[in-house]
Each structure stands twice: as structure tokens, then as C-alpha cells.
Amino acid sequence: ADNDVKMIRDDEESVSFGVPKDALSGHAFHTYTLKSPDGTVEFQLQHNVAGRTVYAEGTADAVKFLAKKIAEGNKPQVY
């Protein structure tokens, strides 16, 4: 539920959560936790992105992919 989401926007708290100081201006650290109703089982999924480089590189890769598809004469479609 939305009320179970904890957003951290404070730099000090972000660093204590594991965000490197040099990535404070651009990061995505997320942890998803599922618990059984009786509390005996817990499952966590975590992904951490430090910095903005990966987003820029991903965008460049997407542009190259789409340019190749256009050059090959493929009809427009959602990928």
C-alpha cells in the first residue's frame, strides 16, 4: 500500500542507506520487502543505481537500436 512506502529525500539519511556521496544528485536505490502475514517469512528485492551515467548510456543504446530498425526499413512498432 502507498502508506507502506518510505521515501528518503534527505542526503544524510540517503548516505546512511548506502548511497555514495558522489551519487546524491542522481541515484535510484530501492528495496522491496514482502512479509508473510505471520512474520515468519520475509523476501527482499533490492536494486541500486549510483549516478546518472547508466541512464544516459541506456538512452544512447535505445536511439542506436531504433535508428538501426529504421535503416532496415522496419515498420513502426512498439518494442
PDB file of N, CA and C in Angstrom:
ATOM      1  N   ALA A   1       0.840  -1.185   0.000  1.00  0.00           N
ATOM      2  CA  ALA A   1       0.000   0.000   0.000  1.00  0.00           C
ATOM      3  C   ALA A   1       0.880   1.241   0.000  1.00  0.00           C
ATOM      4  N   ASP A   2       0.330   2.342  -0.490  1.00  0.00           N
ATOM      5  CA  ASP A   2       1.091   3.582  -0.560  1.00  0.00           C
ATOM      6  C   ASP A   2       1.620   4.024   0.802  1.00  0.00           C
ATOM      7  N   ASN A   3       0.868   3.752   1.859  1.00  0.00           N
ATOM      8  CA  ASN A   3       1.307   4.183   3.176  1.00  0.00           C
ATOM      9  C   ASN A   3       2.454   3.336   3.708  1.00  0.00           C
ATOM     10  N   ASP A   4       2.808   2.268   2.996  1.00  0.00           N
ATOM     11  CA  ASP A   4       3.942   1.430   3.383  1.00  0.00           C
ATOM     12  C   ASP A   4       5.234   1.850   2.698  1.00  0.00           C
ATOM     13  N   VAL A   5       5.175   2.852   1.824  1.00  0.00           N
ATOM     14  CA  VAL A   5       6.340   3.308   1.079  1.00  0.00           C
ATOM     15  C   VAL A   5       7.072   4.366   1.886  1.00  0.00           C
ATOM     16  N   LYS A   6       8.378   4.168   2.035  1.00  0.00           N
ATOM     17  CA  LYS A   6       9.199   5.167   2.728  1.00  0.00           C
ATOM     18  C   LYS A   6      10.135   5.787   1.703  1.00  0.00           C
ATOM     19  N   MET A   7       9.947   7.072   1.435  1.00  0.00           N
ATOM     20  CA  MET A   7      10.815   7.790   0.513  1.00  0.00           C
ATOM     21  C   MET A   7      11.838   8.572   1.326  1.00  0.00           C
ATOM     22  N   ILE A   8      13.090   8.416   0.951  1.00  0.00           N
ATOM     23  CA  ILE A   8      14.171   9.136   1.628  1.00  0.00           C
ATOM     24  C   ILE A   8      14.665  10.227   0.691  1.00  0.00           C
ATOM     25  N   ARG A   9      14.553  11.456   1.107  1.00  0.00           N
ATOM     26  CA  ARG A   9      14.983  12.586   0.290  1.00  0.00           C
ATOM     27  C   ARG A   9      16.056  13.426   0.980  1.00  0.00           C
ATOM     28  N   ASP A  10      16.473  13.001   2.143  1.00  0.00           N
ATOM     29  CA  ASP A  10      17.480  13.705   2.923  1.00  0.00           C
ATOM     30  C   ASP A  10      18.859  13.115   2.606  1.00  0.00           C
ATOM     31  N   ASP A  11      19.835  13.974   2.285  1.00  0.00           N
ATOM     32  CA  ASP A  11      21.159  13.489   1.905  1.00  0.00           C
ATOM     33  C   ASP A  11      21.806  12.634   2.990  1.00  0.00           C
ATOM     34  N   GLU A  12      21.750  13.064   4.222  1.00  0.00           N
ATOM     35  CA  GLU A  12      22.384  12.317   5.316  1.00  0.00           C
ATOM     36  C   GLU A  12      21.757  10.929   5.466  1.00  0.00           C
ATOM     37  N   GLU A  13      20.433  10.886   5.400  1.00  0.00           N
ATOM     38  CA  GLU A  13      19.741   9.606   5.522  1.00  0.00           C
ATOM     39  C   GLU A  13      20.011   8.721   4.296  1.00  0.00           C
ATOM     40  N   SER A  14      20.122   9.352   3.122  1.00  0.00           N
ATOM     41  CA  SER A  14      20.437   8.592   1.905  1.00  0.00           C
ATOM     42  C   SER A  14      21.807   7.935   2.018  1.00  0.00           C
ATOM     43  N   VAL A  15      22.788   8.674   2.520  1.00  0.00           N
ATOM     44  CA  VAL A  15      24.129   8.121   2.691  1.00  0.00           C
ATOM     45  C   VAL A  15      24.098   6.968   3.691  1.00  0.00           C
ATOM     46  N   SER A  16      23.344   7.118   4.766  1.00  0.00           N
ATOM     47  CA  SER A  16      23.261   6.035   5.751  1.00  0.00           C
ATOM     48  C   SER A  16      22.542   4.811   5.176  1.00  0.00           C
ATOM     49  N   PHE A  17      21.728   5.012   4.144  1.00  0.00           N
ATOM     50  CA  PHE A  17      21.042   3.905   3.459  1.00  0.00           C
ATOM     51  C   PHE A  17      21.980   3.209   2.475  1.00  0.00           C
ATOM     52  N   GLY A  18      23.119   3.864   2.155  1.00  0.00           N
ATOM     53  CA  GLY A  18      24.102   3.245   1.267  1.00  0.00           C
ATOM     54  C   GLY A  18      24.410   4.003   0.001  1.00  0.00           C
ATOM     55  N   VAL A  19      23.754   5.148  -0.217  1.00  0.00           N
ATOM     56  CA  VAL A  19      24.008   5.931  -1.424  1.00  0.00           C
ATOM     57  C   VAL A  19      25.376   6.604  -1.295  1.00  0.00           C
ATOM     58  N   PRO A  20      26.271   6.413  -2.283  1.00  0.00           N
ATOM     59  CA  PRO A  20      27.562   7.104  -2.237  1.00  0.00           C
ATOM     60  C   PRO A  20      27.376   8.620  -2.307  1.00  0.00           C
ATOM     61  N   LYS A  21      28.207   9.350  -1.587  1.00  0.00           N
ATOM     62  CA  LYS A  21      28.065  10.818  -1.563  1.00  0.00           C
ATOM     63  C   LYS A  21      28.141  11.420  -2.958  1.00  0.00           C
ATOM     64  N   ASP A  22      28.997  10.853  -3.821  1.00  0.00           N
ATOM     65  CA  ASP A  22      29.132  11.423  -5.163  1.00  0.00           C
ATOM     66  C   ASP A  22      27.943  11.092  -6.072  1.00  0.00           C
ATOM     67  N   ALA A  23      26.985  10.312  -5.576  1.00  0.00           N
ATOM     68  CA  ALA A  23      25.799   9.966  -6.367  1.00  0.00           C
ATOM     69  C   ALA A  23      24.528  10.584  -5.795  1.00  0.00           C
ATOM     70  N   LEU A  24      24.667  11.468  -4.817  1.00  0.00           N
ATOM     71  CA  LEU A  24      23.472  12.042  -4.184  1.00  0.00           C
ATOM     72  C   LEU A  24      22.602  12.815  -5.165  1.00  0.00           C
ATOM     73  N   SER A  25      23.201  13.420  -6.188  1.00  0.00           N
ATOM     74  CA  SER A  25      22.401  14.203  -7.134  1.00  0.00           C
ATOM     75  C   SER A  25      21.742  13.341  -8.203  1.00  0.00           C
ATOM     76  N   GLY A  26      22.076  12.061  -8.240  1.00  0.00           N
ATOM     77  CA  GLY A  26      21.465  11.177  -9.222  1.00  0.00           C
ATOM     78  C   GLY A  26      21.621   9.725  -8.829  1.00  0.00           C
ATOM     79  N   HIS A  27      20.584   9.156  -8.287  1.00  0.00           N
ATOM     80  CA  HIS A  27      20.639   7.754  -7.870  1.00  0.00           C
ATOM     81  C   HIS A  27      19.225   7.187  -7.794  1.00  0.00           C
ATOM     82  N   ALA A  28      19.168   5.871  -7.739  1.00  0.00           N
ATOM     83  CA  ALA A  28      17.891   5.178  -7.560  1.00  0.00           C
ATOM     84  C   ALA A  28      18.170   3.930  -6.725  1.00  0.00           C
ATOM     85  N   PHE A  29      17.996   4.033  -5.455  1.00  0.00           N
ATOM     86  CA  PHE A  29      18.179   2.902  -4.540  1.00  0.00           C
ATOM     87  C   PHE A  29      16.799   2.471  -4.067  1.00  0.00           C
ATOM     88  N   HIS A  30      16.432   1.244  -4.354  1.00  0.00           N
ATOM     89  CA  HIS A  30      15.110   0.747  -3.994  1.00  0.00           C
ATOM     90  C   HIS A  30      15.212  -0.623  -3.345  1.00  0.00           C
ATOM     91  N   THR A  31      14.443  -0.831  -2.304  1.00  0.00           N
ATOM     92  CA  THR A  31      14.329  -2.136  -1.665  1.00  0.00           C
ATOM     93  C   THR A  31      12.853  -2.449  -1.520  1.00  0.00           C
ATOM     94  N   TYR A  32      12.471  -3.613  -2.011  1.00  0.00           N
ATOM     95  CA  TYR A  32      11.084  -4.064  -1.928  1.00  0.00           C
ATOM     96  C   TYR A  32      11.050  -5.233  -0.945  1.00  0.00           C
ATOM     97  N   THR A  33      10.194  -5.155   0.039  1.00  0.00           N
ATOM     98  CA  THR A  33      10.113  -6.189   1.061  1.00  0.00           C
ATOM     99  C   THR A  33       8.705  -6.754   1.124  1.00  0.00           C
ATOM    100  N   LEU A  34       8.615  -8.070   1.076  1.00  0.00           N
ATOM    101  CA  LEU A  34       7.340  -8.773   1.235  1.00  0.00           C
ATOM    102  C   LEU A  34       7.449  -9.642   2.480  1.00  0.00           C
ATOM    103  N   LYS A  35       6.449  -9.562   3.344  1.00  0.00           N
ATOM    104  CA  LYS A  35       6.439 -10.370   4.563  1.00  0.00           C
ATOM    105  C   LYS A  35       5.161 -11.182   4.626  1.00  0.00           C
ATOM    106  N   SER A  36       5.301 -12.398   5.137  1.00  0.00           N
ATOM    107  CA  SER A  36       4.118 -13.242   5.331  1.00  0.00           C
ATOM    108  C   SER A  36       3.275 -12.633   6.453  1.00  0.00           C
ATOM    109  N   PRO A  37       1.980 -12.895   6.440  1.00  0.00           N
ATOM    110  CA  PRO A  37       1.106 -12.319   7.465  1.00  0.00           C
ATOM    111  C   PRO A  37       1.544 -12.625   8.898  1.00  0.00           C
ATOM    112  N   ASP A  38       2.134 -13.798   9.111  1.00  0.00           N
ATOM    113  CA  ASP A  38       2.546 -14.133  10.482  1.00  0.00           C
ATOM    114  C   ASP A  38       3.972 -13.686  10.801  1.00  0.00           C
ATOM    115  N   GLY A  39       4.665 -13.076   9.817  1.00  0.00           N
ATOM    116  CA  GLY A  39       6.003 -12.539  10.044  1.00  0.00           C
ATOM    117  C   GLY A  39       7.128 -13.559  10.031  1.00  0.00           C
ATOM    118  N   THR A  40       6.831 -14.805   9.685  1.00  0.00           N
ATOM    119  CA  THR A  40       7.869 -15.835   9.716  1.00  0.00           C
ATOM    120  C   THR A  40       8.691 -15.906   8.427  1.00  0.00           C
ATOM    121  N   VAL A  41       8.215 -15.257   7.373  1.00  0.00           N
ATOM    122  CA  VAL A  41       8.916 -15.279   6.091  1.00  0.00           C
ATOM    123  C   VAL A  41       9.042 -13.854   5.571  1.00  0.00           C
ATOM    124  N   GLU A  42      10.242 -13.536   5.085  1.00  0.00           N
ATOM    125  CA  GLU A  42      10.479 -12.212   4.502  1.00  0.00           C
ATOM    126  C   GLU A  42      11.271 -12.390   3.215  1.00  0.00           C
ATOM    127  N   PHE A  43      10.873 -11.687   2.184  1.00  0.00           N
ATOM    128  CA  PHE A  43      11.538 -11.715   0.885  1.00  0.00           C
ATOM    129  C   PHE A  43      11.889 -10.280   0.528  1.00  0.00           C
ATOM    130  N   GLN A  44      13.151 -10.041   0.113  1.00  0.00           N
ATOM    131  CA  GLN A  44      13.553  -8.693  -0.298  1.00  0.00           C
ATOM    132  C   GLN A  44      14.166  -8.715  -1.684  1.00  0.00           C
ATOM    133  N   LEU A  45      13.855  -7.693  -2.448  1.00  0.00           N
ATOM    134  CA  LEU A  45      14.463  -7.463  -3.748  1.00  0.00           C
ATOM    135  C   LEU A  45      15.030  -6.052  -3.696  1.00  0.00           C
ATOM    136  N   GLN A  46      16.296  -5.932  -4.064  1.00  0.00           N
ATOM    137  CA  GLN A  46      16.955  -4.631  -3.974  1.00  0.00           C
ATOM    138  C   GLN A  46      17.657  -4.325  -5.293  1.00  0.00           C
ATOM    139  N   HIS A  47      17.551  -3.088  -5.732  1.00  0.00           N
ATOM    140  CA  HIS A  47      18.361  -2.635  -6.863  1.00  0.00           C
ATOM    141  C   HIS A  47      18.859  -1.237  -6.555  1.00  0.00           C
ATOM    142  N   ASN A  48      20.124  -1.017  -6.865  1.00  0.00           N
ATOM    143  CA  ASN A  48      20.766   0.261  -6.559  1.00  0.00           C
ATOM    144  C   ASN A  48      21.475   0.784  -7.793  1.00  0.00           C
ATOM    145  N   VAL A  49      21.133   2.004  -8.182  1.00  0.00           N
ATOM    146  CA  VAL A  49      21.786   2.668  -9.299  1.00  0.00           C
ATOM    147  C   VAL A  49      22.442   3.929  -8.747  1.00  0.00           C
ATOM    148  N   ALA A  50      23.765   4.005  -8.862  1.00  0.00           N
ATOM    149  CA  ALA A  50      24.509   5.170  -8.379  1.00  0.00           C
ATOM    150  C   ALA A  50      24.971   5.986  -9.571  1.00  0.00           C
ATOM    151  N   GLY A  51      24.515   7.231  -9.648  1.00  0.00           N
ATOM    152  CA  GLY A  51      24.896   8.116 -10.738  1.00  0.00           C
ATOM    153  C   GLY A  51      23.887   8.107 -11.869  1.00  0.00           C
ATOM    154  N   ARG A  52      24.142   8.953 -12.839  1.00  0.00           N
ATOM    155  CA  ARG A  52      23.222   9.105 -13.978  1.00  0.00           C
ATOM    156  C   ARG A  52      23.768   8.503 -15.266  1.00  0.00           C
ATOM    157  N   THR A  53      25.017   8.054 -15.248  1.00  0.00           N
ATOM    158  CA  THR A  53      25.649   7.550 -16.466  1.00  0.00           C
ATOM    159  C   THR A  53      24.861   6.415 -17.094  1.00  0.00           C
ATOM    160  N   VAL A  54      24.387   5.483 -16.288  1.00  0.00           N
ATOM    161  CA  VAL A  54      23.664   4.327 -16.824  1.00  0.00           C
ATOM    162  C   VAL A  54      22.398   4.760 -17.570  1.00  0.00           C
ATOM    163  N   TYR A  55      21.751   5.828 -17.110  1.00  0.00           N
ATOM    164  CA  TYR A  55      20.558   6.315 -17.806  1.00  0.00           C
ATOM    165  C   TYR A  55      20.925   6.913 -19.160  1.00  0.00           C
ATOM    166  N   ALA A  56      22.006   7.689 -19.194  1.00  0.00           N
ATOM    167  CA  ALA A  56      22.452   8.293 -20.453  1.00  0.00           C
ATOM    168  C   ALA A  56      22.881   7.222 -21.442  1.00  0.00           C
ATOM    169  N   GLU A  57      23.630   6.224 -20.961  1.00  0.00           N
ATOM    170  CA  GLU A  57      24.066   5.140 -21.841  1.00  0.00           C
ATOM    171  C   GLU A  57      22.879   4.327 -22.348  1.00  0.00           C
ATOM    172  N   GLY A  58      21.905   4.088 -21.490  1.00  0.00           N
ATOM    173  CA  GLY A  58      20.712   3.358 -21.909  1.00  0.00           C
ATOM    174  C   GLY A  58      19.929   4.112 -22.970  1.00  0.00           C
ATOM    175  N   THR A  59      19.843   5.423 -22.824  1.00  0.00           N
ATOM    176  CA  THR A  59      19.151   6.247 -23.820  1.00  0.00           C
ATOM    177  C   THR A  59      19.891   6.205 -25.151  1.00  0.00           C
ATOM    178  N   ALA A  60      21.223   6.308 -25.096  1.00  0.00           N
ATOM    179  CA  ALA A  60      22.018   6.236 -26.331  1.00  0.00           C
ATOM    180  C   ALA A  60      21.842   4.879 -27.008  1.00  0.00           C
ATOM    181  N   ASP A  61      21.837   3.807 -26.232  1.00  0.00           N
ATOM    182  CA  ASP A  61      21.622   2.466 -26.792  1.00  0.00           C
ATOM    183  C   ASP A  61      20.257   2.357 -27.449  1.00  0.00           C
ATOM    184  N   ALA A  62      19.233   2.941 -26.826  1.00  0.00           N
ATOM    185  CA  ALA A  62      17.878   2.892 -27.391  1.00  0.00           C
ATOM    186  C   ALA A  62      17.813   3.650 -28.712  1.00  0.00           C
ATOM    187  N   VAL A  63      18.471   4.799 -28.782  1.00  0.00           N
ATOM    188  CA  VAL A  63      18.486   5.581 -30.022  1.00  0.00           C
ATOM    189  C   VAL A  63      19.184   4.800 -31.129  1.00  0.00           C
ATOM    190  N   LYS A  64      20.313   4.164 -30.813  1.00  0.00           N
ATOM    191  CA  LYS A  64      21.025   3.354 -31.818  1.00  0.00           C
ATOM    192  C   LYS A  64      20.156   2.196 -32.301  1.00  0.00           C
ATOM    193  N   PHE A  65      19.469   1.540 -31.369  1.00  0.00           N
ATOM    194  CA  PHE A  65      18.593   0.426 -31.711  1.00  0.00           C
ATOM    195  C   PHE A  65      17.487   0.881 -32.662  1.00  0.00           C
ATOM    196  N   LEU A  66      16.837   1.991 -32.324  1.00  0.00           N
ATOM    197  CA  LEU A  66      15.737   2.479 -33.161  1.00  0.00           C
ATOM    198  C   LEU A  66      16.237   2.967 -34.519  1.00  0.00           C
ATOM    199  N   ALA A  67      17.404   3.611 -34.547  1.00  0.00           N
ATOM    200  CA  ALA A  67      17.974   4.064 -35.828  1.00  0.00           C
ATOM    201  C   ALA A  67      18.260   2.872 -36.739  1.00  0.00           C
ATOM    202  N   LYS A  68      18.754   1.781 -36.166  1.00  0.00           N
ATOM    203  CA  LYS A  68      19.022   0.569 -36.936  1.00  0.00           C
ATOM    204  C   LYS A  68      17.723   0.001 -37.500  1.00  0.00           C
ATOM    205  N   LYS A  69      16.678  -0.026 -36.680  1.00  0.00           N
ATOM    206  CA  LYS A  69      15.388  -0.553 -37.133  1.00  0.00           C
ATOM    207  C   LYS A  69      14.835   0.289 -38.284  1.00  0.00           C
ATOM    208  N   ILE A  70      14.977   1.600 -38.184  1.00  0.00           N
ATOM    209  CA  ILE A  70      14.506   2.490 -39.255  1.00  0.00           C
ATOM    210  C   ILE A  70      15.312   2.246 -40.529  1.00  0.00           C
ATOM    211  N   ALA A  71      16.651   2.151 -40.365  1.00  0.00           N
ATOM    212  CA  ALA A  71      17.529   1.925 -41.524  1.00  0.00           C
ATOM    213  C   ALA A  71      17.223   0.594 -42.203  1.00  0.00           C
ATOM    214  N   GLU A  72      16.793  -0.393 -41.446  1.00  0.00           N
ATOM    215  CA  GLU A  72      16.437  -1.702 -42.006  1.00  0.00           C
ATOM    216  C   GLU A  72      15.076  -1.687 -42.689  1.00  0.00           C
ATOM    217  N   GLY A  73      14.353  -0.580 -42.575  1.00  0.00           N
ATOM    218  CA  GLY A  73      13.065  -0.458 -43.226  1.00  0.00           C
ATOM    219  C   GLY A  73      11.911  -1.077 -42.457  1.00  0.00           C
ATOM    220  N   ASN A  74      12.128  -1.342 -41.185  1.00  0.00           N
ATOM    221  CA  ASN A  74      11.040  -1.924 -40.376  1.00  0.00           C
ATOM    222  C   ASN A  74       9.915  -0.925 -40.207  1.00  0.00           C
ATOM    223  N   LYS A  75       8.689  -1.452 -40.203  1.00  0.00           N
ATOM    224  CA  LYS A  75       7.540  -0.587 -39.971  1.00  0.00           C
ATOM    225  C   LYS A  75       7.513  -0.168 -38.504  1.00  0.00           C
ATOM    226  N   PRO A  76       6.932   0.978 -38.219  1.00  0.00           N
ATOM    227  CA  PRO A  76       6.876   1.435 -36.820  1.00  0.00           C
ATOM    228  C   PRO A  76       6.149   0.441 -35.928  1.00  0.00           C
ATOM    229  N   GLN A  77       6.694   0.209 -34.748  1.00  0.00           N
ATOM    230  CA  GLN A  77       6.054  -0.672 -33.767  1.00  0.00           C
ATOM    231  C   GLN A  77       6.582  -0.341 -32.393  1.00  0.00           C
ATOM    232  N   VAL A  78       5.900  -0.826 -31.389  1.00  0.00           N
ATOM    233  CA  VAL A  78       6.332  -0.638 -30.002  1.00  0.00           C
ATOM    234  C   VAL A  78       7.231  -1.818 -29.642  1.00  0.00           C
ATOM    235  N   TYR A  79       8.401  -1.524 -29.086  1.00  0.00           N
ATOM    236  CA  TYR A  79       9.338  -2.577 -28.684  1.00  0.00           C
ATOM    237  C   TYR A  79       9.326  -2.716 -27.192  1.00  0.00           C
TER     238      TYR A  79
END
